[in-house]
């Protein structure tokens, strides 16, 4: 039975990172000196045309994230920008060229090693309409199906989606070529109140924290979290509509969307059904924090389990310090639970952080996730609802080698320790270790 929730409509915006081209701004797009001073004093940022949030003329650009989610206002941005008189283009993304080895120890039938190149690219267009209207158009794309393969990349204890009619286990699925194609419109009613609508095909409903690819605390880690399908897997949904209202520091969003996750055909468009719904309550108490709680009903999310519906609950706290001398710290706490009814309730917890220095970054992620025997394709050895408590710890570092124009090249390495329960030692080993070395291409950080 569907529990009572609040349905409705969505939009998918974005940009978790950035960079921009201040010296190319036209002189007539600059506000008067007194106006600049007032905006900087009241909002803590330069509220020039196009420098605002994708869904609010009264909020800073730094709060932009995946979909309509909020980042902390202190969040640094890694992107390329092009300004017009009343509009702005933003481009960002990331490409990893890496060797990924999930069998540093305890080589088993479930581990693997591979050269691959996970990637994503995004373009966003904002245009002010009149004095209080704001149009947003967003496109996000990924060539994972070519550079990673339709079977995805090796990742111990990962699960979700399918390939050749079989559940993908110990592998991360590739993302679709069309990860987001969306349009949104915001109307400012006052400095403290906005109302907005969004439609995406595909797009991202109002569920969970910003998607891992758009969290600055996760920008150095090439791997998707093991808790991805417990928290933010709805970031690619074929058919989603959202309505939202912001009142000062608080925002309420209601989404109606297609619950089924993308199918195995990564280059096409899936059928829109609008059979699922969610709400999200977001609160940014200050420039350093972004807090949210959300609840969603997902109709038949998994292709291979069409009769299984899920209630998903999430809560998160994101933190970011101001950038000083090219140094900053960002962190994230994310909790998510999938409730499929009866005793089938699976929890997940993620803690991650990045300490950025001038050219060096040190980062880490801890995860706890409960996965069933069915989820790990172990129905033949255990009852399909039997839960395994999985722990994982990842530590890594990378260093900027040089920049070509406004694109940085970084080199990094990371190591992960997986801690499965004793009941899985026969299959995975006691503490299977994984590691990778990589080169990363991404836009340089914006310095406004």
Protein backbone atom coordinates (compact mmCIF):
# COMPACT_ATOMS: atom_id res chain seq x y z
CA UNK A 1 0.00 0.00 0.00
CA UNK A 2 1.19 3.51 -0.71
CA UNK A 3 1.75 5.56 2.39
CA UNK A 4 0.54 9.13 2.43
CA UNK A 5 3.04 11.51 0.87
CA UNK A 6 2.91 14.71 -1.08
CA UNK A 7 3.32 14.26 -4.85
CA UNK A 8 3.83 16.83 -7.66
CA UNK A 9 6.40 18.13 -10.21
CA UNK A 10 10.37 18.58 -10.71
CA UNK A 11 13.32 20.22 -12.34
CA UNK A 12 16.91 19.21 -12.74
CA UNK A 13 19.59 21.90 -12.43
CA UNK A 14 23.10 21.41 -11.55
CA UNK A 15 26.65 22.31 -11.10
CA UNK A 16 28.53 21.32 -8.09
CA UNK A 17 31.82 22.60 -9.34
CA UNK A 18 32.93 25.58 -11.40
CA UNK A 19 35.09 28.17 -12.90
CA UNK A 20 34.35 31.44 -14.58
CA UNK A 21 35.72 34.16 -16.79
CA UNK A 22 35.33 37.46 -14.92
CA UNK A 23 37.66 39.48 -17.13
CA UNK A 24 35.47 38.76 -20.20
CA UNK A 25 32.28 40.16 -18.66
CA UNK A 26 30.86 43.09 -20.53
CA UNK A 27 31.12 46.40 -18.76
CA UNK A 28 27.40 47.13 -19.14
CA UNK A 29 26.50 43.94 -17.27
CA UNK A 30 28.16 45.23 -14.13
CA UNK A 31 25.83 46.77 -11.55
CA UNK A 32 26.52 50.15 -10.03
CA UNK A 33 29.10 50.37 -7.25
CA UNK A 34 26.50 51.06 -4.56
CA UNK A 35 24.34 48.16 -5.78
CA UNK A 36 27.35 45.82 -5.74
CA UNK A 37 28.18 46.85 -2.20
CA UNK A 38 24.60 46.28 -1.06
CA UNK A 39 24.40 42.84 -2.65
CA UNK A 40 27.74 41.74 -1.22
CA UNK A 41 26.73 42.97 2.22
CA UNK A 42 23.27 41.36 2.24
CA UNK A 43 23.98 38.10 0.45
CA UNK A 44 27.71 37.56 0.93
CA UNK A 45 28.29 37.31 -2.83
CA UNK A 46 28.39 39.52 -5.90
CA UNK A 47 24.83 39.40 -7.22
CA UNK A 48 25.70 40.36 -10.80
CA UNK A 49 23.51 39.23 -13.71
CA UNK A 50 23.87 35.48 -14.08
CA UNK A 51 25.87 35.06 -10.87
CA UNK A 52 22.84 33.86 -8.95
CA UNK A 53 21.55 30.39 -8.16
CA UNK A 54 19.96 28.43 -11.02
CA UNK A 55 16.58 28.55 -9.25
CA UNK A 56 16.68 31.83 -7.39
CA UNK A 57 17.68 35.38 -8.25
CA UNK A 58 18.21 35.98 -4.52
CA UNK A 59 20.61 33.13 -3.71
CA UNK A 60 24.31 32.69 -4.55
CA UNK A 61 25.49 30.55 -7.44
CA UNK A 62 27.61 28.44 -5.06
CA UNK A 63 24.45 26.81 -3.69
CA UNK A 64 23.83 25.12 -7.06
CA UNK A 65 23.96 21.34 -7.06
CA UNK A 66 22.45 18.36 -8.85
CA UNK A 67 18.78 18.73 -9.68
CA UNK A 68 17.23 21.27 -7.35
CA UNK A 69 19.23 20.16 -4.30
CA UNK A 70 21.21 22.68 -2.25
CA UNK A 71 24.91 22.81 -1.47
CA UNK A 72 26.36 25.03 1.28
CA UNK A 73 26.96 28.60 0.10
CA UNK A 74 30.69 28.20 0.85
CA UNK A 75 30.98 25.43 -1.74
CA UNK A 76 33.79 26.14 -4.23
CA UNK A 77 32.87 25.79 -7.90
CA UNK A 78 34.77 24.03 -10.65
CA UNK A 79 33.38 25.10 -14.01
CA UNK A 80 33.74 27.18 -17.14
CA UNK A 81 31.47 30.18 -17.58
CA UNK A 82 30.40 32.51 -20.37
CA UNK A 83 28.40 35.61 -19.48
CA UNK A 84 25.94 37.64 -21.49
CA UNK A 85 24.04 40.75 -20.48
CA UNK A 86 21.15 38.82 -18.91
CA UNK A 87 22.20 35.23 -19.28
CA UNK A 88 25.03 32.82 -18.58
CA UNK A 89 26.35 29.48 -19.77
CA UNK A 90 28.10 27.10 -17.37
CA UNK A 91 30.02 23.96 -18.29
CA UNK A 92 31.54 21.38 -16.01
CA UNK A 93 32.32 17.70 -15.75
CA UNK A 94 35.03 15.19 -15.01
CA UNK A 95 36.97 12.42 -16.78
CA UNK A 96 39.06 9.80 -14.99
CA UNK A 97 41.66 7.74 -16.86
CA UNK A 98 42.47 4.97 -14.43
CA UNK A 99 43.57 1.46 -13.55
CA UNK A 100 41.07 0.00 -11.08
CA UNK A 101 42.04 -3.16 -9.19
CA UNK A 102 39.47 -4.75 -6.88
CA UNK A 103 41.65 -7.78 -6.12
CA UNK A 104 44.77 -6.45 -4.41
CA UNK A 105 44.13 -9.26 -1.93
CA UNK A 106 41.76 -12.23 -1.90
CA UNK A 107 41.32 -12.65 -5.63
CA UNK A 108 37.95 -14.36 -6.15
CA UNK A 109 35.36 -14.95 -8.84
CA UNK A 110 33.68 -11.70 -7.70
CA UNK A 111 36.68 -9.41 -7.92
CA UNK A 112 38.29 -7.92 -10.99
CA UNK A 113 40.69 -5.35 -12.45
CA UNK A 114 40.24 -3.01 -15.38
CA UNK A 115 41.50 0.04 -17.27
CA UNK A 116 38.56 2.36 -17.84
CA UNK A 117 37.45 6.00 -17.94
CA UNK A 118 34.33 7.01 -15.97
CA UNK A 119 33.09 10.43 -17.10
CA UNK A 120 30.27 12.96 -17.15
CA UNK A 121 29.69 16.35 -18.77
CA UNK A 122 27.16 19.06 -18.06
CA UNK A 123 25.95 22.30 -19.62
CA UNK A 124 23.59 24.76 -17.95
CA UNK A 125 21.95 27.89 -19.35
CA UNK A 126 20.37 30.57 -17.13
CA UNK A 127 18.46 33.60 -18.38
CA UNK A 128 16.71 36.29 -16.42
CA UNK A 129 13.14 36.93 -17.61
CA UNK A 130 11.92 40.39 -16.75
CA UNK A 131 12.93 41.64 -13.32
CA UNK A 132 11.85 38.58 -11.29
CA UNK A 133 11.75 35.57 -13.62
CA UNK A 134 14.53 33.01 -14.18
CA UNK A 135 14.75 30.33 -16.88
CA UNK A 136 17.05 27.33 -16.58
CA UNK A 137 17.91 24.70 -19.20
CA UNK A 138 20.24 21.83 -18.30
CA UNK A 139 21.85 18.96 -20.15
CA UNK A 140 24.03 16.24 -18.64
CA UNK A 141 25.73 13.46 -20.60
CA UNK A 142 27.99 10.47 -20.01
CA UNK A 143 30.03 8.25 -22.33
CA UNK A 144 30.31 5.50 -19.69
CA UNK A 145 28.78 2.89 -21.99
CA UNK A 146 31.76 3.36 -24.35
CA UNK A 147 34.58 4.04 -21.89
CA UNK A 148 33.46 1.73 -19.06
CA UNK A 149 31.32 -0.79 -20.92
CA UNK A 150 27.70 -1.89 -20.61
CA UNK A 151 28.65 -4.27 -17.79
CA UNK A 152 30.09 -1.38 -15.76
CA UNK A 153 33.30 -1.36 -13.78
CA UNK A 154 34.45 -3.72 -10.97
CA UNK A 155 33.43 -2.51 -7.49
CA UNK A 156 33.20 -5.00 -4.66
CA UNK A 157 29.79 -5.21 -2.92
CA UNK A 158 28.16 -2.78 -5.36
CA UNK A 159 24.70 -3.69 -6.66
CA UNK A 160 21.87 -2.17 -8.67
CA UNK A 161 20.42 -2.31 -12.21
CA UNK A 162 21.14 -5.14 -14.66
CA UNK A 163 23.03 -6.33 -17.74
CA UNK A 164 21.96 -9.07 -20.18
CA UNK A 165 18.98 -9.82 -17.98
CA UNK A 166 21.07 -10.48 -14.87
CA UNK A 167 21.57 -8.39 -11.75
CA UNK A 168 24.77 -6.38 -11.70
CA UNK A 169 26.69 -7.37 -8.55
CA UNK A 170 30.20 -6.31 -7.55
CA UNK A 171 30.07 -3.86 -10.44
CA UNK A 172 28.92 -0.26 -10.85
CA UNK A 173 26.56 0.18 -13.80
CA UNK A 174 27.41 2.75 -16.51
CA UNK A 175 25.35 5.91 -16.66
CA UNK A 176 23.10 6.70 -19.61
CA UNK A 177 24.27 8.91 -22.47
CA UNK A 178 21.42 11.31 -21.65
CA UNK A 179 21.69 11.76 -17.89
CA UNK A 180 19.62 14.96 -17.79
CA UNK A 181 17.62 17.08 -20.21
CA UNK A 182 15.56 19.53 -18.21
CA UNK A 183 13.93 22.92 -18.15
CA UNK A 184 12.86 24.98 -15.13
CA UNK A 185 11.35 28.35 -14.34
CA UNK A 186 11.50 30.36 -11.10
CA UNK A 187 9.43 33.38 -10.15
CA UNK A 188 10.73 35.62 -7.39
CA UNK A 189 7.86 36.93 -5.23
CA UNK A 190 10.18 38.82 -2.87
CA UNK A 191 13.80 38.67 -1.79
CA UNK A 192 12.83 35.90 0.65
CA UNK A 193 10.28 33.94 -1.42
CA UNK A 194 10.63 32.02 -4.70
CA UNK A 195 8.32 29.54 -6.42
CA UNK A 196 9.62 27.25 -9.16
CA UNK A 197 8.72 24.39 -11.45
CA UNK A 198 10.86 21.85 -13.26
CA UNK A 199 10.46 19.13 -15.90
CA UNK A 200 13.12 16.60 -16.90
CA UNK A 201 13.27 13.79 -19.44
CA UNK A 202 15.45 12.55 -17.95
CA UNK A 203 15.80 14.54 -14.75
CA UNK A 204 16.27 14.28 -10.99
CA UNK A 205 13.41 14.19 -8.47
CA UNK A 206 13.54 15.89 -5.08
CA UNK A 207 15.17 13.01 -3.22
CA UNK A 208 18.24 12.90 -0.98
CA UNK A 209 21.41 14.97 -0.87
CA UNK A 210 23.13 16.18 -4.03
CA UNK A 211 24.15 13.23 -6.20
CA UNK A 212 27.66 11.98 -5.40
CA UNK A 213 29.05 13.34 -8.69
CA UNK A 214 27.97 16.84 -7.62
CA UNK A 215 29.23 16.81 -4.03
CA UNK A 216 32.56 18.60 -3.66
CA UNK A 217 33.43 16.22 -0.82
CA UNK A 218 33.29 13.36 -3.38
CA UNK A 219 34.77 15.06 -6.45
CA UNK A 220 38.17 13.29 -6.17
CA UNK A 221 36.82 9.74 -5.82
CA UNK A 222 36.11 7.98 -9.17
CA UNK A 223 33.90 5.33 -7.52
CA UNK A 224 30.18 5.51 -6.88
CA UNK A 225 29.25 4.90 -3.21
CA UNK A 226 28.03 1.41 -2.27
CA UNK A 227 24.98 3.19 -0.85
CA UNK A 228 24.15 4.83 -4.20
CA UNK A 229 20.89 2.86 -4.58
CA UNK A 230 19.92 3.62 -1.01
CA UNK A 231 20.36 7.37 -1.36
CA UNK A 232 20.67 9.17 -4.71
CA UNK A 233 20.17 6.59 -7.50
CA UNK A 234 17.14 8.54 -8.77
CA UNK A 235 19.41 11.20 -10.30
CA UNK A 236 18.56 9.78 -13.75
CA UNK A 237 14.78 9.39 -14.01
CA UNK A 238 12.96 9.28 -17.36
CA UNK A 239 10.09 11.61 -16.65
CA UNK A 240 10.03 13.87 -13.62
CA UNK A 241 8.18 17.04 -12.65
CA UNK A 242 8.73 19.12 -9.53
CA UNK A 243 7.12 22.11 -7.87
CA UNK A 244 8.88 23.97 -5.08
CA UNK A 245 8.75 27.01 -2.85
CA UNK A 246 11.55 28.71 -0.96
CA UNK A 247 10.86 30.88 2.06
CA UNK A 248 14.07 32.48 3.30
CA UNK A 249 16.36 29.60 4.43
CA UNK A 250 13.77 26.85 3.99
CA UNK A 251 12.64 25.04 0.83
CA UNK A 252 9.88 22.48 0.21
CA UNK A 253 9.76 20.45 -3.02
CA UNK A 254 7.22 17.93 -4.34
CA UNK A 255 8.03 15.58 -7.22
CA UNK A 256 6.07 13.21 -9.43
CA UNK A 257 8.26 10.88 -11.50
CA UNK A 258 8.90 7.48 -13.06
CA UNK A 259 10.08 5.03 -10.41
CA UNK A 260 11.75 2.53 -12.75
CA UNK A 261 15.53 2.94 -12.98
CA UNK A 262 17.11 3.23 -16.46
CA UNK A 263 17.15 0.04 -18.54
CA UNK A 264 20.19 -1.63 -20.12
CA UNK A 265 19.94 0.40 -23.34
CA UNK A 266 22.18 3.32 -22.41
CA UNK A 267 21.69 5.45 -25.54
CA UNK A 268 17.89 5.79 -25.69
CA UNK A 269 14.93 7.18 -23.74
CA UNK A 270 12.81 5.02 -21.45
CA UNK A 271 9.03 5.28 -21.14
CA UNK A 272 7.58 7.98 -18.87
CA UNK A 273 5.13 6.62 -16.28
CA UNK A 274 4.90 9.19 -13.46
CA UNK A 275 3.95 6.45 -10.98
CA UNK A 276 6.13 7.57 -8.05
CA UNK A 277 6.38 10.62 -5.84
CA UNK A 278 8.51 12.33 -3.21
CA UNK A 279 8.97 15.37 -1.06
CA UNK A 280 12.13 17.03 0.23
CA UNK A 281 12.58 19.65 2.95
CA UNK A 282 15.86 21.59 2.73
CA UNK A 283 17.33 24.05 5.21
CA UNK A 284 20.54 26.10 4.96
CA UNK A 285 21.03 27.73 8.38
CA UNK A 286 24.22 29.51 7.33
CA UNK A 287 26.83 29.65 4.59
CA UNK A 288 28.63 26.54 5.85
CA UNK A 289 25.69 24.12 6.08
CA UNK A 290 23.05 22.40 3.91
CA UNK A 291 20.55 20.05 5.59
CA UNK A 292 17.77 17.98 4.02
CA UNK A 293 15.22 15.27 4.74
CA UNK A 294 13.27 13.46 2.03
CA UNK A 295 10.83 10.61 1.56
CA UNK A 296 9.88 8.87 -1.69
CA UNK A 297 7.63 6.11 -2.96
CA UNK A 298 9.29 4.20 -5.84
CA UNK A 299 7.05 2.04 -8.01
CA UNK A 300 8.92 -1.05 -9.25
CA UNK A 301 12.40 0.55 -9.38
CA UNK A 302 14.30 -2.60 -10.41
CA UNK A 303 13.68 -4.16 -13.84
CA UNK A 304 14.34 -7.70 -12.56
CA UNK A 305 12.03 -7.32 -9.54
CA UNK A 306 8.94 -5.69 -11.09
CA UNK A 307 6.60 -6.56 -8.20
CA UNK A 308 8.80 -4.90 -5.57
CA UNK A 309 7.99 -1.32 -4.57
CA UNK A 310 10.16 0.70 -2.21
CA UNK A 311 9.81 3.54 0.25
CA UNK A 312 13.08 5.46 0.44
CA UNK A 313 13.97 7.78 3.32
CA UNK A 314 17.06 9.98 3.38
CA UNK A 315 18.63 12.66 5.54
CA UNK A 316 21.90 14.52 5.04
CA UNK A 317 24.13 17.28 6.37
CA UNK A 318 26.74 18.92 4.10
CA UNK A 319 29.48 21.22 5.39
CA UNK A 320 31.96 23.52 3.65
CA UNK A 321 34.48 26.01 4.99
CA UNK A 322 35.25 29.26 3.14
CA UNK A 323 38.07 29.04 0.60
CA UNK A 324 41.15 30.79 2.00
CA UNK A 325 44.53 30.78 0.26
CA UNK A 326 43.20 28.07 -2.11
CA UNK A 327 42.49 25.82 0.89
CA UNK A 328 39.16 24.47 2.10
CA UNK A 329 37.47 21.50 3.73
CA UNK A 330 34.16 19.93 2.70
CA UNK A 331 32.32 17.05 4.31
CA UNK A 332 29.07 15.10 3.99
CA UNK A 333 26.93 12.87 6.18
CA UNK A 334 24.22 10.97 4.30
CA UNK A 335 21.76 8.39 5.64
CA UNK A 336 19.37 6.42 3.47
CA UNK A 337 16.95 3.53 3.99
CA UNK A 338 15.05 1.35 1.53
CA UNK A 339 11.84 -0.12 2.93
CA UNK A 340 10.32 -2.86 0.79
CA UNK A 341 7.84 -3.93 3.46
CA UNK A 342 7.69 -6.59 6.17
CA UNK A 343 11.22 -7.13 7.50
CA UNK A 344 12.91 -5.95 4.32
CA UNK A 345 14.37 -2.67 5.61
CA UNK A 346 17.93 -1.85 4.64
CA UNK A 347 19.92 1.07 6.07
CA UNK A 348 22.96 2.89 4.73
CA UNK A 349 25.32 5.50 6.15
CA UNK A 350 28.00 7.54 4.39
CA UNK A 351 30.64 9.89 5.81
CA UNK A 352 33.08 11.58 3.44
CA UNK A 353 35.41 14.55 3.43
CA UNK A 354 38.06 16.35 1.40
CA UNK A 355 40.87 18.58 2.66
CA UNK A 356 42.05 20.67 -0.27
CA UNK A 357 45.44 22.35 -0.11
CA UNK A 358 46.97 24.52 -2.84
CA UNK A 359 47.78 21.67 -5.21
CA UNK A 360 47.28 18.57 -3.05
CA UNK A 361 44.04 17.02 -1.79
CA UNK A 362 43.52 14.33 0.85
CA UNK A 363 40.11 12.66 0.95
CA UNK A 364 38.27 9.75 2.51
CA UNK A 365 34.93 7.97 2.66
CA UNK A 366 33.41 5.58 5.19
CA UNK A 367 30.31 3.57 4.33
CA UNK A 368 27.99 1.20 6.12
CA UNK A 369 25.27 -0.48 4.09
CA UNK A 370 22.93 -3.42 4.63
CA UNK A 371 22.47 -5.61 1.57
CA UNK A 372 20.28 -8.67 1.28
CA UNK A 373 21.19 -12.06 -0.15
CA UNK A 374 18.88 -11.25 -3.05
CA UNK A 375 20.70 -7.93 -3.64
CA UNK A 376 24.09 -9.72 -3.74
CA UNK A 377 22.73 -12.63 -5.85
CA UNK A 378 23.28 -15.14 -3.05
CA UNK A 379 19.73 -16.55 -2.92
CA UNK A 380 21.05 -20.07 -3.47
CA UNK A 381 23.11 -20.01 -0.25
CA UNK A 382 20.99 -17.79 2.04
CA UNK A 383 17.37 -16.81 2.50
CA UNK A 384 16.76 -13.99 0.01
CA UNK A 385 15.89 -11.51 2.82
CA UNK A 386 18.99 -12.33 4.88
CA UNK A 387 20.90 -9.07 5.54
CA UNK A 388 24.66 -8.60 5.42
CA UNK A 389 26.29 -5.62 7.15
CA UNK A 390 28.99 -4.25 4.84
CA UNK A 391 31.60 -1.69 5.91
CA UNK A 392 34.04 0.08 3.59
CA UNK A 393 36.77 2.64 4.16
CA UNK A 394 38.50 4.55 1.34
CA UNK A 395 41.50 6.88 1.66
CA UNK A 396 43.07 8.75 -1.23
CA UNK A 397 45.12 11.70 -2.37
CA UNK A 398 45.70 13.55 -5.60
CA UNK A 399 47.84 16.40 -6.86
CA UNK A 400 47.37 18.98 -9.58
CA UNK A 401 50.11 18.48 -12.18
CA UNK A 402 49.38 21.43 -14.46
CA UNK A 403 46.58 23.31 -16.20
CA UNK A 404 45.93 23.72 -19.91
CA UNK A 405 43.91 26.88 -20.15
CA UNK A 406 41.16 26.40 -17.61
CA UNK A 407 41.33 22.59 -17.47
CA UNK A 408 43.31 20.93 -14.68
CA UNK A 409 45.15 17.62 -14.95
CA UNK A 410 45.50 15.78 -11.65
CA UNK A 411 47.18 12.51 -10.68
CA UNK A 412 45.91 10.47 -7.76
CA UNK A 413 45.69 7.14 -6.02
CA UNK A 414 43.38 5.59 -3.46
CA UNK A 415 43.00 2.40 -1.45
CA UNK A 416 39.81 0.83 -0.11
CA UNK A 417 39.37 -1.73 2.66
CA UNK A 418 36.15 -3.76 2.53
CA UNK A 419 34.92 -5.33 5.76
CA UNK A 420 32.29 -8.01 5.05
CA UNK A 421 30.65 -10.12 7.78
CA UNK A 422 32.18 -13.48 8.65
CA UNK A 423 29.43 -15.27 6.71
CA UNK A 424 30.88 -13.86 3.46
CA UNK A 425 34.57 -14.52 4.11
CA UNK A 426 34.38 -17.75 2.11
CA UNK A 427 33.40 -15.76 -0.96
CA UNK A 428 35.22 -12.41 -0.60
CA UNK A 429 37.97 -13.03 1.93
CA UNK A 430 38.34 -11.45 5.36
CA UNK A 431 39.41 -7.92 4.35
CA UNK A 432 39.45 -7.62 0.55
CA UNK A 433 41.51 -4.59 -0.49
CA UNK A 434 41.01 -2.54 -3.63
CA UNK A 435 43.08 0.26 -5.14
CA UNK A 436 43.45 2.48 -8.16
CA UNK A 437 45.71 5.04 -9.76
CA UNK A 438 44.26 7.69 -12.02
CA UNK A 439 44.58 10.87 -14.02
CA UNK A 440 41.66 13.27 -13.75
CA UNK A 441 40.63 16.05 -16.11
CA UNK A 442 38.25 18.71 -14.80
CA UNK A 443 37.66 22.49 -14.97
CA UNK A 444 39.78 24.67 -12.72
CA UNK A 445 38.26 26.23 -9.63
CA UNK A 446 36.48 29.53 -10.14
CA UNK A 447 38.09 32.46 -8.34
CA UNK A 448 35.45 35.13 -8.06
